[in-house]
C-alpha atoms as a PDB file:
ATOM      1  CA  MET A   1      -0.154   0.128   0.466  1.00  0.00           C
ATOM      2  CA  LYS A   2       1.939   3.539  -0.951  1.00  0.00           C
ATOM      3  CA  ILE A   3       0.662   6.316   0.326  1.00  0.00           C
ATOM      4  CA  TYR A   4       1.559  10.356  -0.164  1.00  0.00           C
ATOM      5  CA  VAL A   5       2.683  12.237   3.414  1.00  0.00           C
ATOM      6  CA  GLU A   6       3.122  15.649   3.454  1.00  0.00           C
ATOM      7  CA  GLY A   7       3.425  17.780   6.717  1.00  0.00           C
ATOM      8  CA  SER A   8       5.367  17.676  10.287  1.00  0.00           C
ATOM      9  CA  ALA A   9       3.442  14.186  12.633  1.00  0.00           C
ATOM     10  CA  HIS A  10       4.632  13.770  16.755  1.00  0.00           C
ATOM     11  CA  HIS A  11       7.519  11.336  16.590  1.00  0.00           C
ATOM     12  CA  LYS A  12       5.312   8.523  17.752  1.00  0.00           C
ATOM     13  CA  ASN A  13       3.391   8.714  15.048  1.00  0.00           C
ATOM     14  CA  GLU A  14       6.390   9.012  12.944  1.00  0.00           C
ATOM     15  CA  ALA A  15       7.241   5.452  14.917  1.00  0.00           C
ATOM     16  CA  GLY A  16       4.266   4.140  14.011  1.00  0.00           C
ATOM     17  CA  MET A  17       4.752   4.713  10.133  1.00  0.00           C
ATOM     18  CA  GLY A  18       7.824   2.950  10.890  1.00  0.00           C
ATOM     19  CA  LEU A  19       6.501  -0.433  12.143  1.00  0.00           C
ATOM     20  CA  LEU A  20       3.653  -0.244   9.356  1.00  0.00           C
ATOM     21  CA  GLN A  21       6.137  -0.678   7.374  1.00  0.00           C
ATOM     22  CA  SER A  22       6.189  -4.326   8.045  1.00  0.00           C
ATOM     23  CA  GLN A  23       2.669  -4.425   6.879  1.00  0.00           C
ATOM     24  CA  GLY A  24       3.520  -3.601   3.585  1.00  0.00           C
ATOM     25  CA  PHE A  25       2.827   0.113   3.732  1.00  0.00           C
ATOM     26  CA  GLU A  26       5.343   1.669   1.766  1.00  0.00           C
ATOM     27  CA  PHE A  27       5.347   6.342   2.642  1.00  0.00           C
ATOM     28  CA  ASP A  28       6.283   8.534   0.339  1.00  0.00           C
ATOM     29  CA  ARG A  29       7.525  11.914   1.464  1.00  0.00           C
ATOM     30  CA  SER A  30       8.153  13.651  -1.769  1.00  0.00           C
ATOM     31  CA  TYR A  31       4.858  13.817  -4.027  1.00  0.00           C
ATOM     32  CA  ASP A  32       5.502  12.210  -7.637  1.00  0.00           C
ATOM     33  CA  LYS A  33       2.906  13.458 -10.011  1.00  0.00           C
ATOM     34  CA  ASN A  34       3.138  10.487 -11.822  1.00  0.00           C
ATOM     35  CA  THR A  35       2.853   7.432  -9.240  1.00  0.00           C
ATOM     36  CA  LYS A  36      -0.582   6.240  -8.364  1.00  0.00           C
ATOM     37  CA  TYR A  37      -1.131   6.619  -4.468  1.00  0.00           C
ATOM     38  CA  ASP A  38      -3.783   4.305  -2.669  1.00  0.00           C
ATOM     39  CA  GLN A  39      -3.873   7.440  -0.009  1.00  0.00           C
ATOM     40  CA  VAL A  40      -2.694  11.126   0.870  1.00  0.00           C
ATOM     41  CA  HIS A  41      -2.545  11.757   4.199  1.00  0.00           C
ATOM     42  CA  ILE A  42      -2.025  15.290   5.014  1.00  0.00           C
ATOM     43  CA  PHE A  43      -1.020  16.217   9.080  1.00  0.00           C
ATOM     44  CA  ASN A  44      -0.828  19.772   9.279  1.00  0.00           C
ATOM     45  CA  GLN A  45      -3.978  21.191   6.882  1.00  0.00           C
ATOM     46  CA  VAL A  46      -6.928  20.153   4.299  1.00  0.00           C
ATOM     47  CA  ARG A  47      -5.282  20.345   1.061  1.00  0.00           C
ATOM     48  CA  LYS A  48      -6.604  18.955  -1.755  1.00  0.00           C
ATOM     49  CA  ILE A  49      -4.013  17.040  -4.002  1.00  0.00           C
ATOM     50  CA  GLU A  50      -5.245  16.929  -7.415  1.00  0.00           C
ATOM     51  CA  GLY A  51      -4.635  14.461  -9.757  1.00  0.00           C
ATOM     52  CA  GLN A  52      -4.934  11.513  -7.308  1.00  0.00           C
ATOM     53  CA  ASP A  53      -8.493   9.815  -7.207  1.00  0.00           C
ATOM     54  CA  CYS A  54      -7.826   8.021  -3.489  1.00  0.00           C
ATOM     55  CA  THR A  55      -8.045   8.286  -0.477  1.00  0.00           C
ATOM     56  CA  HIS A  56      -7.388  11.969   1.706  1.00  0.00           C
ATOM     57  CA  VAL A  57      -7.180  12.014   5.275  1.00  0.00           C
ATOM     58  CA  TYR A  58      -5.962  15.313   7.114  1.00  0.00           C
ATOM     59  CA  GLY A  59      -4.488  16.040  10.358  1.00  0.00           C
ATOM     60  CA  PRO A  60      -4.051  15.166  13.427  1.00  0.00           C
ATOM     61  CA  HIS A  61      -1.877  17.938  13.912  1.00  0.00           C
ATOM     62  CA  PHE A  62      -4.272  21.592  13.691  1.00  0.00           C
ATOM     63  CA  TYR A  63      -7.378  21.959  15.944  1.00  0.00           C
ATOM     64  CA  HIS A  64      -9.926  20.916  13.184  1.00  0.00           C
ATOM     65  CA  PHE A  65     -13.453  22.501  15.514  1.00  0.00           C
ATOM     66  CA  ASP A  66     -13.596  25.736  14.073  1.00  0.00           C
ATOM     67  CA  MET A  67     -11.052  25.423  10.534  1.00  0.00           C
ATOM     68  CA  ASN A  68     -12.708  27.006   7.660  1.00  0.00           C
ATOM     69  CA  ARG A  69     -15.846  25.200   6.483  1.00  0.00           C
ATOM     70  CA  TYR A  70     -14.839  22.935   3.408  1.00  0.00           C
ATOM     71  CA  ASP A  71     -17.266  20.434   1.371  1.00  0.00           C
ATOM     72  CA  PHE A  72     -15.185  17.192   2.609  1.00  0.00           C
ATOM     73  CA  SER A  73     -16.539  14.438  -0.351  1.00  0.00           C
ATOM     74  CA  GLU A  74     -17.237  10.871   0.024  1.00  0.00           C
ATOM     75  CA  LYS A  75     -13.190   9.914  -0.025  1.00  0.00           C
ATOM     76  CA  GLU A  76     -12.317  12.955   2.577  1.00  0.00           C
ATOM     77  CA  PHE A  77     -11.741  11.770   6.031  1.00  0.00           C
ATOM     78  CA  MET A  78     -10.295  14.453   9.573  1.00  0.00           C
ATOM     79  CA  ASN A  79      -8.343  11.611  11.295  1.00  0.00           C
ATOM     80  CA  CYS A  80      -9.362  11.917  14.664  1.00  0.00           C
ATOM     81  CA  LEU A  81      -7.264   9.257  16.121  1.00  0.00           C
ATOM     82  CA  SER A  82      -9.839   7.632  18.850  1.00  0.00           C
ATOM     83  CA  PRO A  83     -13.401   7.173  18.425  1.00  0.00           C
ATOM     84  CA  TRP A  84     -14.541   9.603  21.568  1.00  0.00           C
ATOM     85  CA  LEU A  85     -12.785  12.518  19.482  1.00  0.00           C
ATOM     86  CA  VAL A  86     -14.386  11.462  15.919  1.00  0.00           C
ATOM     87  CA  ASP A  87     -18.195  11.556  18.804  1.00  0.00           C
ATOM     88  CA  LEU A  88     -17.091  15.161  19.819  1.00  0.00           C
ATOM     89  CA  THR A  89     -16.340  16.255  16.791  1.00  0.00           C
ATOM     90  CA  MET A  90     -19.545  15.250  15.007  1.00  0.00           C
ATOM     91  CA  SER A  91     -20.912  17.118  17.562  1.00  0.00           C
ATOM     92  CA  ILE A  92     -19.781  20.105  16.619  1.00  0.00           C
ATOM     93  CA  ARG A  93     -19.101  20.001  13.167  1.00  0.00           C
ATOM     94  CA  GLN A  94     -21.479  17.907  11.352  1.00  0.00           C
ATOM     95  CA  ASP A  95     -20.232  19.246   8.040  1.00  0.00           C
ATOM     96  CA  ILE A  96     -16.891  16.706   8.614  1.00  0.00           C
ATOM     97  CA  ARG A  97     -16.235  13.713   7.599  1.00  0.00           C
ATOM     98  CA  CYS A  98     -14.329  11.813  10.394  1.00  0.00           C
ATOM     99  CA  THR A  99     -12.192   8.475  10.782  1.00  0.00           C
ATOM    100  CA  ALA A 100     -10.442   6.951  13.652  1.00  0.00           C
ATOM    101  CA  LEU A 101      -6.898   5.902  12.471  1.00  0.00           C
ATOM    102  CA  PRO A 102      -4.036   5.148  15.242  1.00  0.00           C
ATOM    103  CA  PHE A 103      -0.578   4.822  14.849  1.00  0.00           C
ATOM    104  CA  PRO A 104       0.348   1.473  16.149  1.00  0.00           C
ATOM    105  CA  VAL A 105       2.740   0.844  19.472  1.00  0.00           C
ATOM    106  CA  ASP A 106       5.653  -1.235  19.278  1.00  0.00           C
ATOM    107  CA  ILE A 107       4.100  -4.256  20.898  1.00  0.00           C
ATOM    108  CA  ASP A 108       8.420  -5.650  20.254  1.00  0.00           C
ATOM    109  CA  ARG A 109       9.923  -2.083  22.474  1.00  0.00           C
ATOM    110  CA  PHE A 110       7.427  -2.572  25.462  1.00  0.00           C
ATOM    111  CA  ILE A 111       7.226  -6.054  26.801  1.00  0.00           C
ATOM    112  CA  PRO A 112       6.260  -7.249  29.972  1.00  0.00           C
ATOM    113  CA  SER A 113       8.639  -7.742  32.486  1.00  0.00           C
ATOM    114  CA  GLU A 114       8.238  -9.891  35.900  1.00  0.00           C
ATOM    115  CA  LYS A 115       6.267  -7.582  38.139  1.00  0.00           C
ATOM    116  CA  THR A 116       8.764  -7.308  40.293  1.00  0.00           C
ATOM    117  CA  GLY A 117       8.846  -3.330  40.699  1.00  0.00           C
ATOM    118  CA  LYS A 118       6.559  -0.254  42.505  1.00  0.00           C
ATOM    119  CA  PRO A 119       3.219   0.391  41.159  1.00  0.00           C
ATOM    120  CA  VAL A 120       3.695   3.983  39.244  1.00  0.00           C
ATOM    121  CA  VAL A 121       1.726   7.309  39.222  1.00  0.00           C
ATOM    122  CA  TYR A 122       1.281   8.673  35.929  1.00  0.00           C
ATOM    123  CA  PHE A 123       0.670  12.102  35.988  1.00  0.00           C
ATOM    124  CA  LYS A 124       0.193  14.663  33.295  1.00  0.00           C
ATOM    125  CA  ASN A 125      -1.597  18.176  32.885  1.00  0.00           C
ATOM    126  CA  ARG A 126      -4.330  17.597  35.772  1.00  0.00           C
ATOM    127  CA  ASP A 127      -4.876  19.693  39.580  1.00  0.00           C
ATOM    128  CA  PRO A 128      -1.870  19.711  41.171  1.00  0.00           C
ATOM    129  CA  GLN A 129      -4.464  18.826  44.692  1.00  0.00           C
ATOM    130  CA  LEU A 130      -5.943  15.812  43.299  1.00  0.00           C
ATOM    131  CA  LEU A 131      -2.302  14.380  42.447  1.00  0.00           C
ATOM    132  CA  ALA A 132      -0.779  15.057  46.358  1.00  0.00           C
ATOM    133  CA  ARG A 133      -4.787  13.326  47.192  1.00  0.00           C
ATOM    134  CA  VAL A 134      -3.335  10.598  45.502  1.00  0.00           C
ATOM    135  CA  ARG A 135      -0.351  10.193  46.870  1.00  0.00           C
ATOM    136  CA  GLU A 136      -1.048  10.935  50.184  1.00  0.00           C
ATOM    137  CA  TYR A 137      -3.560   7.810  49.883  1.00  0.00           C
ATOM    138  CA  PHE A 138      -1.326   5.631  48.354  1.00  0.00           C
ATOM    139  CA  GLY A 139       1.613   6.516  50.634  1.00  0.00           C
ATOM    140  CA  ASN A 140       5.075   6.923  48.876  1.00  0.00           C
ATOM    141  CA  ASP A 141       6.022   4.062  47.603  1.00  0.00           C
ATOM    142  CA  MET A 142       5.580   4.554  44.257  1.00  0.00           C
ATOM    143  CA  THR A 143       7.548   5.350  41.316  1.00  0.00           C
ATOM    144  CA  LEU A 144       5.516   8.737  40.222  1.00  0.00           C
ATOM    145  CA  VAL A 145       5.826   9.654  36.341  1.00  0.00           C
ATOM    146  CA  VAL A 146       5.565  13.495  35.281  1.00  0.00           C
ATOM    147  CA  TYR A 147       4.734  14.345  31.591  1.00  0.00           C
ATOM    148  CA  GLY A 148       7.353  15.836  30.015  1.00  0.00           C
ATOM    149  CA  SER A 149      10.248  14.792  32.931  1.00  0.00           C
ATOM    150  CA  TYR A 150      11.233  11.650  31.853  1.00  0.00           C
ATOM    151  CA  SER A 151      13.434   9.435  29.335  1.00  0.00           C
ATOM    152  CA  GLU A 152      11.464   6.915  27.524  1.00  0.00           C
ATOM    153  CA  GLY A 153      13.744   4.234  29.228  1.00  0.00           C
ATOM    154  CA  SER A 154      13.041   5.152  32.518  1.00  0.00           C
ATOM    155  CA  TYR A 155       9.662   5.120  31.775  1.00  0.00           C
ATOM    156  CA  LEU A 156      10.160   1.682  30.370  1.00  0.00           C
ATOM    157  CA  GLN A 157      11.132   0.534  32.746  1.00  0.00           C
ATOM    158  CA  ALA A 158       8.933   1.474  35.518  1.00  0.00           C
ATOM    159  CA  ILE A 159       5.739   0.396  33.597  1.00  0.00           C
ATOM    160  CA  SER A 160       7.089  -2.547  32.643  1.00  0.00           C
ATOM    161  CA  GLU A 161       8.223  -3.752  36.064  1.00  0.00           C
ATOM    162  CA  ALA A 162       5.036  -2.172  38.244  1.00  0.00           C
ATOM    163  CA  PRO A 163       2.043  -4.214  39.084  1.00  0.00           C
ATOM    164  CA  TYR A 164      -0.882  -1.821  38.365  1.00  0.00           C
ATOM    165  CA  CYS A 165      -0.670   2.063  37.302  1.00  0.00           C
ATOM    166  CA  ILE A 166      -2.541   5.282  38.605  1.00  0.00           C
ATOM    167  CA  TRP A 167      -2.974   7.177  35.817  1.00  0.00           C
ATOM    168  CA  VAL A 168      -3.756  11.121  36.439  1.00  0.00           C
ATOM    169  CA  GLY A 169      -3.977  12.287  33.079  1.00  0.00           C
ATOM    170  CA  CYS A 170      -5.797  14.773  30.689  1.00  0.00           C
ATOM    171  CA  HIS A 171      -7.254  13.646  27.613  1.00  0.00           C
ATOM    172  CA  GLU A 172      -5.549  11.880  25.381  1.00  0.00           C
ATOM    173  CA  SER A 173      -6.633  12.208  21.850  1.00  0.00           C
ATOM    174  CA  GLN A 174      -4.441   8.918  21.084  1.00  0.00           C
ATOM    175  CA  GLY A 175      -2.048   8.275  24.449  1.00  0.00           C
ATOM    176  CA  PHE A 176       0.793   6.668  23.839  1.00  0.00           C
ATOM    177  CA  ALA A 177       2.222   6.226  26.936  1.00  0.00           C
ATOM    178  CA  PHE A 178      -1.086   5.330  28.505  1.00  0.00           C
ATOM    179  CA  GLN A 179      -1.016   2.242  25.458  1.00  0.00           C
ATOM    180  CA  GLU A 180       3.035   1.598  25.527  1.00  0.00           C
ATOM    181  CA  ALA A 181       1.774   0.284  29.913  1.00  0.00           C
ATOM    182  CA  MET A 182      -0.824  -1.978  28.729  1.00  0.00           C
ATOM    183  CA  SER A 183       1.680  -3.218  26.205  1.00  0.00           C
ATOM    184  CA  CYS A 184       3.758  -4.062  29.326  1.00  0.00           C
ATOM    185  CA  ASP A 185       0.612  -6.122  31.002  1.00  0.00           C
ATOM    186  CA  THR A 186       0.465  -3.338  33.434  1.00  0.00           C
ATOM    187  CA  PRO A 187      -3.041  -2.586  34.847  1.00  0.00           C
ATOM    188  CA  ILE A 188      -4.148   0.373  34.305  1.00  0.00           C
ATOM    189  CA  PHE A 189      -6.271   2.892  36.470  1.00  0.00           C
ATOM    190  CA  ALA A 190      -7.345   5.500  35.490  1.00  0.00           C
ATOM    191  CA  ILE A 191      -8.845   8.873  37.426  1.00  0.00           C
ATOM    192  CA  ASP A 192     -10.132   9.532  33.768  1.00  0.00           C
ATOM    193  CA  VAL A 193     -11.663  13.222  32.397  1.00  0.00           C
ATOM    194  CA  LYS A 194     -14.582  14.526  32.092  1.00  0.00           C
ATOM    195  CA  SER A 195     -13.967  17.449  29.753  1.00  0.00           C
ATOM    196  CA  LEU A 196     -11.177  18.628  27.699  1.00  0.00           C
ATOM    197  CA  ARG A 197     -11.606  21.320  29.907  1.00  0.00           C
ATOM    198  CA  ASP A 198     -10.102  18.982  33.077  1.00  0.00           C
ATOM    199  CA  GLU A 199      -6.552  19.583  31.292  1.00  0.00           C
ATOM    200  CA  TRP A 200      -4.454  21.839  34.013  1.00  0.00           C
ATOM    201  CA  GLY A 201      -2.582  24.953  33.306  1.00  0.00           C
ATOM    202  CA  PRO A 202      -2.648  27.377  30.211  1.00  0.00           C
ATOM    203  CA  THR A 203      -4.780  25.649  27.883  1.00  0.00           C
ATOM    204  CA  MET A 204      -7.462  27.039  25.062  1.00  0.00           C
ATOM    205  CA  TRP A 205      -9.623  24.734  26.581  1.00  0.00           C
ATOM    206  CA  LYS A 206     -11.180  26.734  29.559  1.00  0.00           C
ATOM    207  CA  ASN A 207     -13.121  28.755  27.431  1.00  0.00           C
ATOM    208  CA  PHE A 208     -13.547  27.230  23.773  1.00  0.00           C
ATOM    209  CA  LEU A 209     -16.886  26.725  22.527  1.00  0.00           C
ATOM    210  CA  PRO A 210     -18.878  27.680  26.172  1.00  0.00           C
ATOM    211  CA  GLY A 211     -21.624  26.175  24.473  1.00  0.00           C
ATOM    212  CA  HIS A 212     -20.714  22.689  24.522  1.00  0.00           C
ATOM    213  CA  ASP A 213     -19.646  20.022  27.117  1.00  0.00           C
ATOM    214  CA  LEU A 214     -16.355  19.003  25.400  1.00  0.00           C
ATOM    215  CA  GLN A 215     -16.034  15.399  27.101  1.00  0.00           C
ATOM    216  CA  ALA A 216     -13.138  13.421  26.721  1.00  0.00           C
ATOM    217  CA  THR A 217     -11.883  10.516  28.336  1.00  0.00           C
ATOM    218  CA  THR A 218      -8.203   9.853  28.435  1.00  0.00           C
ATOM    219  CA  ALA A 219      -8.277   6.558  28.058  1.00  0.00           C
ATOM    220  CA  SER A 220      -8.832   6.558  24.418  1.00  0.00           C
ATOM    221  CA  TYR A 221      -8.790   2.386  23.654  1.00  0.00           C
ATOM    222  CA  PHE A 222      -9.715   0.698  26.423  1.00  0.00           C
ATOM    223  CA  ASP A 223     -11.729  -2.203  27.978  1.00  0.00           C
ATOM    224  CA  GLU A 224     -12.780  -3.548  30.981  1.00  0.00           C
ATOM    225  CA  THR A 225      -9.944  -6.962  30.205  1.00  0.00           C
ATOM    226  CA  SER A 226      -7.359  -4.035  30.648  1.00  0.00           C
ATOM    227  CA  GLY A 227      -7.812  -2.093  34.274  1.00  0.00           C
ATOM    228  CA  LEU A 228     -10.636   0.428  35.576  1.00  0.00           C
ATOM    229  CA  VAL A 229     -11.875   3.899  34.596  1.00  0.00           C
ATOM    230  CA  SER A 230     -12.743   5.598  37.584  1.00  0.00           C
ATOM    231  CA  CYS A 231     -13.334   9.529  38.394  1.00  0.00           C
ATOM    232  CA  GLU A 232     -11.916  12.219  40.676  1.00  0.00           C
ATOM    233  CA  GLU A 233     -15.552  11.733  42.475  1.00  0.00           C
ATOM    234  CA  ASN A 234     -15.460   7.628  43.741  1.00  0.00           C
ATOM    235  CA  TRP A 235     -11.487   7.232  42.910  1.00  0.00           C
ATOM    236  CA  LYS A 236     -11.223   5.731  45.931  1.00  0.00           C
ATOM    237  CA  GLU A 237     -14.085   3.624  46.663  1.00  0.00           C
ATOM    238  CA  ASP A 238     -13.516   2.411  42.913  1.00  0.00           C
ATOM    239  CA  PHE A 239      -9.509   0.986  44.028  1.00  0.00           C
ATOM    240  CA  GLU A 240     -10.592  -1.244  45.995  1.00  0.00           C
ATOM    241  CA  GLU A 241     -12.998  -2.876  43.186  1.00  0.00           C
ATOM    242  CA  PHE A 242      -9.379  -2.849  40.865  1.00  0.00           C
ATOM    243  CA  ARG A 243      -7.351  -3.597  43.464  1.00  0.00           C
ATOM    244  CA  SER A 244      -9.517  -7.104  44.021  1.00  0.00           C
ATOM    245  CA  ASN A 245      -9.036  -7.735  40.371  1.00  0.00           C
ATOM    246  CA  LEU A 246      -5.564  -7.504  39.483  1.00  0.00           C
ATOM    247  CA  SER A 247      -5.401 -10.832  38.788  1.00  0.00           C
ATOM    248  CA  SER A 248      -8.169 -11.369  36.024  1.00  0.00           C
ATOM    249  CA  TYR A 249      -6.551  -7.930  33.684  1.00  0.00           C
ATOM    250  CA  ASN A 250      -4.726  -8.851  30.196  1.00  0.00           C
ATOM    251  CA  PRO A 251      -4.011  -4.911  28.806  1.00  0.00           C
ATOM    252  CA  ARG A 252      -1.406  -6.217  26.309  1.00  0.00           C
ATOM    253  CA  GLU A 253      -3.848  -8.725  24.976  1.00  0.00           C
ATOM    254  CA  PHE A 254      -6.531  -5.707  24.115  1.00  0.00           C
ATOM    255  CA  VAL A 255      -2.791  -3.949  22.375  1.00  0.00           C
ATOM    256  CA  LEU A 256      -2.134  -7.050  20.428  1.00  0.00           C
ATOM    257  CA  ASN A 257      -5.831  -7.036  19.306  1.00  0.00           C
ATOM    258  CA  ASN A 258      -6.421  -3.169  18.494  1.00  0.00           C
ATOM    259  CA  LEU A 259      -3.120  -1.268  18.500  1.00  0.00           C
ATOM    260  CA  SER A 260      -0.729  -4.019  17.160  1.00  0.00           C
ATOM    261  CA  PRO A 261       1.003  -2.644  13.933  1.00  0.00           C
ATOM    262  CA  LYS A 262      -1.137  -5.504  12.230  1.00  0.00           C
ATOM    263  CA  ALA A 263      -4.500  -4.317  13.476  1.00  0.00           C
ATOM    264  CA  CYS A 264      -3.877  -0.819  12.618  1.00  0.00           C
ATOM    265  CA  ALA A 265      -3.044  -1.129   9.153  1.00  0.00           C
ATOM    266  CA  LYS A 266      -6.202  -3.344   8.714  1.00  0.00           C
ATOM    267  CA  LYS A 267      -8.292   0.073   9.742  1.00  0.00           C
ATOM    268  CA  TRP A 268      -6.106   1.653   7.759  1.00  0.00           C
ATOM    269  CA  ARG A 269      -6.417  -0.667   4.346  1.00  0.00           C
ATOM    270  CA  ASP A 270     -10.245  -0.750   5.740  1.00  0.00           C
ATOM    271  CA  LEU A 271     -10.685   3.070   4.869  1.00  0.00           C
ATOM    272  CA  CYS A 272      -9.670   2.732   1.196  1.00  0.00           C
END
């Protein structure tokens, strides 16, 4: 499958395209008008490539809620990465044709180790007071991982050896670190967000589209075999349920079935 790619991408998305090459994908970053492409992906804008009567996929690297109106054809889609973001986008912009095409997780790098390490608390752009309450409840026998302040190698070691992870994060369009933890077969207890507005710190979401709830989640790909999704109001009670079921979770299996290179390749091919 030959795909023309235009624009810059998150480094994990670039790595994901590399993983898709093992599934027979070829990505061309220099446009050749004499080549018949199976798909066109433009990461940073909406721009039709003339002469290519194939599926065009726009995004995910720009805010599309308030972009200029555009008449999407049957072969043009906005990539929202995850189903929850498709639902949110369609609730705001019914004129946009959306899809959820995730980029694959590196299942050969993020693999389980013997679960002899400490539980991990992962913190990303949430109210610091919530983190303080979590740390007070669980004590100091935890490994704290703060978004933007760790190396991937240290994270991989901590999360692969952890018996479980407590996730205190904001919304995730896809959420690679979250899914890499699952790939390490580490069950996740997620203290979920309700809205994009739950992101802490300087953010565009506080006053954005005041007439909309902007419902969101940090667990963009997840099911009951992967752990438990709780909320800020009930997390202490829900954690006891999570801990009692810890041995029954198998999050790596979910990743293999839904976010591996093979699984993602099928989603990409099915869009043609």
